[in-house]
Amino acid sequence: MSATKSEIKDDVKAISGPEKAAIFMLSLTDDHAAAIWDLFDEDEIREISVTMSTLGQVSSTLVEKLLVEFAGKMSGTGTIVGSYEATQRLLTRFMSDDRVSQVMDEIRGPAGRTMWEKLGNVNEAVLANYLKNEYPQTVAVVLSKIRPDHAASVLALLPENFAMEVIIRMLSMEAVSKEILDHVEKTLRTEFMTNLARSARQDSHEMIAGIFNTLDRNTESRFMDALDERNRESAERIKALMFTFDDLERVDSAGVQVILRQVDKAQLAVALKGGSEAVKDLFFSNMSERAAKIMREDMDAMGAVRLKDVDEAQAAVVTTAKELADSNEIIIAGSGEEDELVY
């Protein structure tokens, strides 16, 4: 015979984590409960509150079992260690995998108890880059909910016409309904914060590619050959992620001129000594005829140069190029169609 609802309710193993939390909170005195409520964020309060409101009658037997279970776990574990892994294991016991991933991604994201506090910790350029693709009305709602100084910084980075559309809507905006606010908050949580948190986690292949980029040529080649024997797929992926001196041929003329203004000319001459003909031609073609002639003469006068010195010089130039690319001062085109430049 199947168990009735009341019989299931008396079975500690048959109730969910939120139900256990709700029953536990209801069993506390007001003072003790208030201290714990203060530690919950808005989502947790909402979830536990909804669960509490739908519990119905809970038997004293179940309450006693839950408290015994709680006390037993507390005394049995001794010292409690709070960690990312422990939190994920706990959540997995009473949430779906998708929900656990979402919560853990939010934990990795910018600090803050509420979504709007989290947004306040997001770099204004990152936030503006996301919001410029949203509806002006949505952006108006978001900017109205974050700190004025942060909203001003974001607004200044939006395209001027778009920013004006946002301002007009902010001026005419009345009280935002709870439904709209909840919808915007949910969208930000699922689309922006999750992606932001995931992008913040560096891929292990990217990390190794960065390390390999700083090795001298012989050491890098030795490691890459060994890795290729053990895991060809990873080796190929790392090769694709690595950026070498010869990859500078993917920089356009304007970018090369920016690099020329930033790097030490003597160091560049050593770097070009070991570069491909394509990279040499690219740099020389972006110098004045006189400057290119002088650098060629300096390179000829060097004679033989140690490979170690060439590697160090090329690494320094590559580092400068990467920094310029990160600050959007130059563009390093990729090899795929999506990275082709349109003039």
Protein backbone atom coordinates (compact mmCIF):
# COMPACT_ATOMS: atom_id res chain seq x y z
CA MET A 1 0.00 0.00 0.00
CA SER A 2 1.38 3.44 -0.90
CA ALA A 3 2.30 5.83 1.91
CA THR A 4 -0.02 8.72 2.63
CA LYS A 5 1.21 12.31 2.61
CA SER A 6 1.25 12.48 6.42
CA GLU A 7 3.30 9.29 6.57
CA ILE A 8 5.79 10.71 4.09
CA LYS A 9 5.96 13.93 6.09
CA ASP A 10 7.06 11.94 9.14
CA ASP A 11 9.91 10.35 7.19
CA VAL A 12 13.00 12.56 7.48
CA LYS A 13 14.59 11.00 4.39
CA ALA A 14 11.54 11.72 2.26
CA ILE A 15 11.52 15.52 2.67
CA SER A 16 13.62 17.97 0.70
CA GLY A 17 16.41 20.22 1.91
CA PRO A 18 14.30 23.40 1.70
CA GLU A 19 11.54 21.67 3.70
CA LYS A 20 14.06 20.70 6.39
CA ALA A 21 15.35 24.28 6.53
CA ALA A 22 11.81 25.65 6.74
CA ILE A 23 10.83 23.29 9.58
CA PHE A 24 14.07 24.03 11.43
CA MET A 25 13.48 27.80 11.19
CA LEU A 26 9.87 27.44 12.40
CA SER A 27 11.04 25.49 15.42
CA LEU A 28 13.39 28.25 16.63
CA THR A 29 12.51 31.11 18.93
CA ASP A 30 12.03 34.51 17.32
CA ASP A 31 15.39 35.80 18.58
CA HIS A 32 17.37 32.84 17.30
CA ALA A 33 15.47 32.76 14.01
CA ALA A 34 16.08 36.48 13.44
CA ALA A 35 19.83 36.02 13.79
CA ILE A 36 19.80 33.28 11.14
CA TRP A 37 17.44 35.13 8.77
CA ASP A 38 19.98 37.97 8.66
CA LEU A 39 22.54 35.58 7.18
CA PHE A 40 20.34 34.54 4.23
CA ASP A 41 20.30 36.40 0.92
CA GLU A 42 17.04 37.44 -0.74
CA ASP A 43 16.76 34.31 -2.87
CA GLU A 44 17.24 32.03 0.12
CA ILE A 45 14.70 33.97 2.16
CA ARG A 46 12.23 33.76 -0.71
CA GLU A 47 12.72 30.02 -1.21
CA ILE A 48 12.48 29.13 2.49
CA SER A 49 9.52 31.46 2.98
CA VAL A 50 7.58 29.88 0.11
CA THR A 51 8.37 26.43 1.47
CA MET A 52 7.25 27.42 4.97
CA SER A 53 3.94 28.72 3.66
CA THR A 54 3.12 25.39 1.98
CA LEU A 55 4.27 22.98 4.69
CA GLY A 56 0.90 22.50 6.36
CA GLN A 57 0.84 20.69 9.69
CA VAL A 58 4.16 19.20 10.79
CA SER A 59 4.11 16.58 13.51
CA SER A 60 6.19 16.95 16.65
CA THR A 61 7.72 13.57 15.83
CA LEU A 62 9.17 14.88 12.57
CA VAL A 63 10.46 18.06 14.24
CA GLU A 64 12.19 15.96 16.89
CA LYS A 65 13.71 13.67 14.25
CA LEU A 66 15.04 16.65 12.31
CA LEU A 67 16.60 18.26 15.37
CA VAL A 68 18.18 14.95 16.39
CA GLU A 69 19.52 14.53 12.84
CA PHE A 70 20.91 18.06 12.87
CA ALA A 71 22.52 17.65 16.31
CA GLY A 72 23.97 14.30 15.30
CA LYS A 73 25.59 15.69 12.19
CA MET A 74 26.99 18.66 14.09
CA SER A 75 28.54 16.48 16.80
CA GLY A 76 29.63 13.76 14.42
CA THR A 77 31.58 15.95 12.03
CA GLY A 78 33.50 17.88 14.65
CA THR A 79 35.09 20.88 12.95
CA ILE A 80 33.02 22.19 10.04
CA VAL A 81 34.98 23.38 7.01
CA GLY A 82 33.20 25.69 4.62
CA SER A 83 34.58 25.44 1.10
CA TYR A 84 33.51 25.78 -2.50
CA GLU A 85 33.55 21.99 -2.97
CA ALA A 86 31.62 21.32 0.26
CA THR A 87 28.97 23.85 -0.75
CA GLN A 88 28.57 22.27 -4.17
CA ARG A 89 28.24 18.77 -2.67
CA LEU A 90 25.59 20.01 -0.23
CA LEU A 91 23.54 21.79 -2.88
CA THR A 92 23.65 18.74 -5.14
CA ARG A 93 21.69 16.80 -2.53
CA PHE A 94 18.55 18.90 -2.90
CA MET A 95 18.89 20.87 -6.16
CA SER A 96 18.98 19.89 -9.82
CA ASP A 97 22.37 19.91 -11.54
CA ASP A 98 21.41 22.95 -13.63
CA ARG A 99 20.34 24.90 -10.54
CA VAL A 100 23.53 23.93 -8.67
CA SER A 101 25.66 25.11 -11.61
CA GLN A 102 23.78 28.40 -11.68
CA VAL A 103 24.21 29.00 -7.94
CA MET A 104 27.91 28.09 -7.97
CA ASP A 105 28.51 30.32 -10.99
CA GLU A 106 26.91 33.18 -9.07
CA ILE A 107 29.19 32.46 -6.10
CA ARG A 108 32.17 32.78 -8.43
CA GLY A 109 30.78 36.05 -9.77
CA PRO A 110 31.20 39.54 -8.31
CA ALA A 111 30.57 39.80 -4.57
CA GLY A 112 27.21 41.02 -3.30
CA ARG A 113 24.16 39.67 -1.51
CA THR A 114 21.62 40.88 -4.07
CA MET A 115 21.79 41.04 -7.86
CA TRP A 116 21.99 44.82 -7.77
CA GLU A 117 24.87 44.75 -5.28
CA LYS A 118 26.64 42.25 -7.55
CA LEU A 119 26.18 44.59 -10.52
CA GLY A 120 27.73 47.37 -8.47
CA ASN A 121 30.95 45.32 -8.35
CA VAL A 122 31.10 44.71 -12.09
CA ASN A 123 33.56 46.81 -14.06
CA GLU A 124 31.67 49.61 -15.82
CA ALA A 125 33.19 48.75 -19.23
CA VAL A 126 32.07 45.11 -18.92
CA LEU A 127 28.57 46.13 -17.83
CA ALA A 128 28.27 48.77 -20.58
CA ASN A 129 29.37 46.25 -23.20
CA TYR A 130 26.55 43.94 -22.13
CA LEU A 131 23.86 46.59 -21.73
CA LYS A 132 24.46 48.21 -25.13
CA ASN A 133 22.76 45.18 -26.70
CA GLU A 134 19.67 45.39 -24.46
CA TYR A 135 16.49 47.45 -24.88
CA PRO A 136 16.84 51.06 -23.65
CA GLN A 137 13.96 50.48 -21.21
CA THR A 138 15.80 47.50 -19.68
CA VAL A 139 18.99 49.53 -19.35
CA ALA A 140 17.01 52.34 -17.73
CA VAL A 141 15.70 49.91 -15.10
CA VAL A 142 19.20 48.55 -14.40
CA LEU A 143 20.81 52.00 -14.10
CA SER A 144 18.04 53.14 -11.77
CA LYS A 145 18.86 50.29 -9.39
CA ILE A 146 22.64 50.67 -9.07
CA ARG A 147 24.68 53.42 -7.40
CA PRO A 148 24.50 56.82 -9.17
CA ASP A 149 28.28 57.05 -9.59
CA HIS A 150 28.44 53.58 -11.12
CA ALA A 151 25.43 54.30 -13.34
CA ALA A 152 27.14 57.49 -14.54
CA SER A 153 30.31 55.58 -15.48
CA VAL A 154 28.31 52.99 -17.40
CA LEU A 155 26.19 55.63 -19.15
CA ALA A 156 29.30 57.48 -20.31
CA LEU A 157 30.56 54.32 -22.06
CA LEU A 158 27.35 53.61 -23.97
CA PRO A 159 26.98 54.84 -27.58
CA GLU A 160 25.80 58.46 -27.39
CA ASN A 161 22.45 58.03 -29.20
CA PHE A 162 21.67 54.90 -27.24
CA ALA A 163 22.62 56.59 -23.96
CA MET A 164 20.22 59.42 -24.75
CA GLU A 165 17.40 56.93 -25.36
CA VAL A 166 18.15 55.44 -21.93
CA ILE A 167 18.13 58.88 -20.28
CA ILE A 168 14.75 59.75 -21.85
CA ARG A 169 13.27 56.54 -20.50
CA MET A 170 14.76 57.11 -17.06
CA LEU A 171 13.19 60.58 -16.99
CA SER A 172 9.75 59.26 -17.88
CA MET A 173 9.99 56.07 -15.84
CA GLU A 174 7.41 55.58 -13.15
CA ALA A 175 7.53 52.99 -10.37
CA VAL A 176 8.72 49.72 -11.86
CA SER A 177 6.35 46.84 -11.24
CA LYS A 178 7.59 43.85 -9.31
CA GLU A 179 6.98 41.58 -12.31
CA ILE A 180 9.22 43.66 -14.58
CA LEU A 181 11.90 43.98 -11.90
CA ASP A 182 11.87 40.24 -11.29
CA HIS A 183 12.11 39.58 -15.03
CA VAL A 184 15.11 41.92 -15.45
CA GLU A 185 16.77 40.44 -12.38
CA LYS A 186 16.24 36.89 -13.64
CA THR A 187 17.65 37.79 -17.07
CA LEU A 188 20.72 39.39 -15.54
CA ARG A 189 21.23 36.39 -13.30
CA THR A 190 20.88 33.73 -15.99
CA GLU A 191 22.47 35.50 -18.95
CA PHE A 192 24.96 38.04 -17.63
CA MET A 193 26.22 36.91 -14.22
CA THR A 194 26.54 33.26 -15.19
CA ASN A 195 28.50 34.08 -18.35
CA LEU A 196 30.61 36.60 -16.46
CA ALA A 197 31.51 34.05 -13.82
CA ARG A 198 32.33 31.41 -16.42
CA SER A 199 34.50 33.78 -18.44
CA ALA A 200 36.41 34.71 -15.29
CA ARG A 201 37.56 31.15 -14.87
CA GLN A 202 40.69 30.69 -16.95
CA ASP A 203 40.72 27.61 -19.15
CA SER A 204 43.55 25.23 -18.20
CA HIS A 205 44.75 25.15 -21.81
CA GLU A 206 44.92 28.96 -21.86
CA MET A 207 46.96 28.87 -18.66
CA ILE A 208 49.49 26.40 -20.12
CA ALA A 209 49.64 28.36 -23.40
CA GLY A 210 50.52 31.47 -21.39
CA ILE A 211 53.28 29.59 -19.57
CA PHE A 212 54.64 28.09 -22.79
CA ASN A 213 54.70 31.56 -24.36
CA THR A 214 57.25 32.67 -21.77
CA LEU A 215 59.58 29.66 -22.19
CA ASP A 216 62.66 29.79 -24.39
CA ARG A 217 62.24 28.13 -27.75
CA ASN A 218 64.12 24.91 -26.96
CA THR A 219 62.33 24.29 -23.65
CA GLU A 220 58.93 25.08 -25.13
CA SER A 221 59.58 22.75 -28.05
CA ARG A 222 60.70 19.97 -25.71
CA PHE A 223 57.58 20.26 -23.54
CA MET A 224 55.28 20.54 -26.54
CA ASP A 225 56.75 17.44 -28.19
CA ALA A 226 56.36 15.45 -24.96
CA LEU A 227 52.78 16.65 -24.53
CA ASP A 228 52.00 15.83 -28.16
CA GLU A 229 53.00 12.21 -27.52
CA ARG A 230 50.80 11.89 -24.43
CA ASN A 231 47.81 14.04 -25.40
CA ARG A 232 47.76 15.23 -29.00
CA GLU A 233 44.37 16.93 -28.67
CA SER A 234 45.54 19.14 -25.78
CA ALA A 235 48.83 19.87 -27.55
CA GLU A 236 47.00 21.07 -30.66
CA ARG A 237 44.65 23.21 -28.59
CA ILE A 238 47.55 24.83 -26.73
CA LYS A 239 49.38 25.50 -30.01
CA ALA A 240 46.27 27.29 -31.30
CA LEU A 241 46.10 29.41 -28.14
CA MET A 242 49.77 30.35 -28.06
CA PHE A 243 50.76 33.71 -29.46
CA THR A 244 54.26 33.90 -30.90
CA PHE A 245 56.36 36.67 -32.39
CA ASP A 246 55.57 35.48 -35.91
CA ASP A 247 51.84 35.83 -35.12
CA LEU A 248 52.39 39.60 -35.20
CA GLU A 249 51.83 39.41 -38.95
CA ARG A 250 48.11 39.31 -38.00
CA VAL A 251 48.37 42.90 -36.76
CA ASP A 252 47.26 45.59 -39.20
CA SER A 253 49.47 48.49 -40.27
CA ALA A 254 47.97 50.93 -37.78
CA GLY A 255 48.59 48.43 -34.98
CA VAL A 256 52.21 47.86 -36.02
CA GLN A 257 52.82 51.61 -35.88
CA VAL A 258 51.44 51.68 -32.33
CA ILE A 259 53.78 48.82 -31.37
CA LEU A 260 56.72 50.65 -32.94
CA ARG A 261 56.06 53.64 -30.69
CA GLN A 262 55.99 51.45 -27.58
CA VAL A 263 58.92 49.02 -27.95
CA ASP A 264 62.63 49.60 -27.54
CA LYS A 265 64.15 49.82 -31.03
CA ALA A 266 67.34 47.94 -30.11
CA GLN A 267 65.21 45.15 -28.61
CA LEU A 268 63.01 45.08 -31.70
CA ALA A 269 66.08 44.72 -33.93
CA VAL A 270 67.18 41.63 -31.99
CA ALA A 271 63.63 40.22 -32.11
CA LEU A 272 63.36 40.76 -35.87
CA LYS A 273 66.71 39.03 -36.34
CA GLY A 274 64.97 35.74 -35.59
CA GLY A 275 61.56 36.59 -37.05
CA SER A 276 59.94 35.36 -40.23
CA GLU A 277 60.37 37.30 -43.45
CA ALA A 278 56.65 38.20 -43.35
CA VAL A 279 56.99 39.84 -39.92
CA LYS A 280 60.19 41.64 -40.94
CA ASP A 281 58.55 43.02 -44.08
CA LEU A 282 55.49 44.09 -42.04
CA PHE A 283 57.56 46.11 -39.56
CA PHE A 284 59.92 47.59 -42.14
CA SER A 285 57.01 48.64 -44.38
CA ASN A 286 55.52 50.61 -41.49
CA MET A 287 58.74 52.54 -40.78
CA SER A 288 60.04 55.49 -42.66
CA GLU A 289 62.53 54.55 -45.38
CA ARG A 290 65.36 56.03 -43.33
CA ALA A 291 64.34 54.25 -40.07
CA ALA A 292 64.01 50.90 -41.88
CA LYS A 293 67.45 51.37 -43.49
CA ILE A 294 69.04 52.14 -40.11
CA MET A 295 67.45 49.11 -38.44
CA ARG A 296 68.53 46.77 -41.25
CA GLU A 297 72.10 48.06 -40.91
CA ASP A 298 71.98 47.57 -37.12
CA MET A 299 70.76 44.01 -37.59
CA ASP A 300 73.54 43.25 -40.10
CA ALA A 301 76.11 44.73 -37.73
CA MET A 302 75.02 42.40 -34.93
CA GLY A 303 76.33 39.34 -36.69
CA ALA A 304 75.34 36.10 -35.01
CA VAL A 305 72.95 36.55 -32.08
CA ARG A 306 72.33 33.99 -29.34
CA LEU A 307 68.97 32.26 -29.65
CA LYS A 308 68.33 32.99 -25.95
CA ASP A 309 68.67 36.74 -26.60
CA VAL A 310 66.32 36.54 -29.59
CA ASP A 311 63.74 34.63 -27.54
CA GLU A 312 63.87 37.20 -24.73
CA ALA A 313 63.56 40.13 -27.14
CA GLN A 314 60.65 38.52 -28.99
CA ALA A 315 58.90 37.70 -25.71
CA ALA A 316 59.18 41.36 -24.63
CA VAL A 317 57.68 42.59 -27.93
CA VAL A 318 54.88 39.99 -27.76
CA THR A 319 54.08 41.03 -24.17
CA THR A 320 53.79 44.67 -25.28
CA ALA A 321 51.55 43.66 -28.20
CA LYS A 322 49.27 41.63 -25.91
CA GLU A 323 48.96 44.53 -23.46
CA LEU A 324 48.04 46.87 -26.31
CA ALA A 325 45.48 44.36 -27.60
CA ASP A 326 43.96 43.96 -24.12
CA SER A 327 43.52 47.73 -23.89
CA ASN A 328 41.99 47.79 -27.42
CA GLU A 329 44.79 49.99 -28.76
CA ILE A 330 45.59 47.44 -31.46
CA ILE A 331 43.69 44.55 -33.07
CA ILE A 332 45.21 41.10 -33.51
CA ALA A 333 43.08 39.35 -36.12
CA GLY A 334 42.31 35.65 -35.75
CA SER A 335 42.47 33.03 -38.41
CA GLY A 336 38.73 32.33 -38.57
CA GLU A 337 36.12 34.09 -40.67
CA GLU A 338 34.56 35.66 -37.59
CA ASP A 339 37.87 37.43 -36.87
CA GLU A 340 38.37 38.91 -40.34
CA LEU A 341 38.47 42.70 -40.41
CA VAL A 342 36.17 44.82 -42.57
CA TYR A 343 37.42 48.22 -43.69
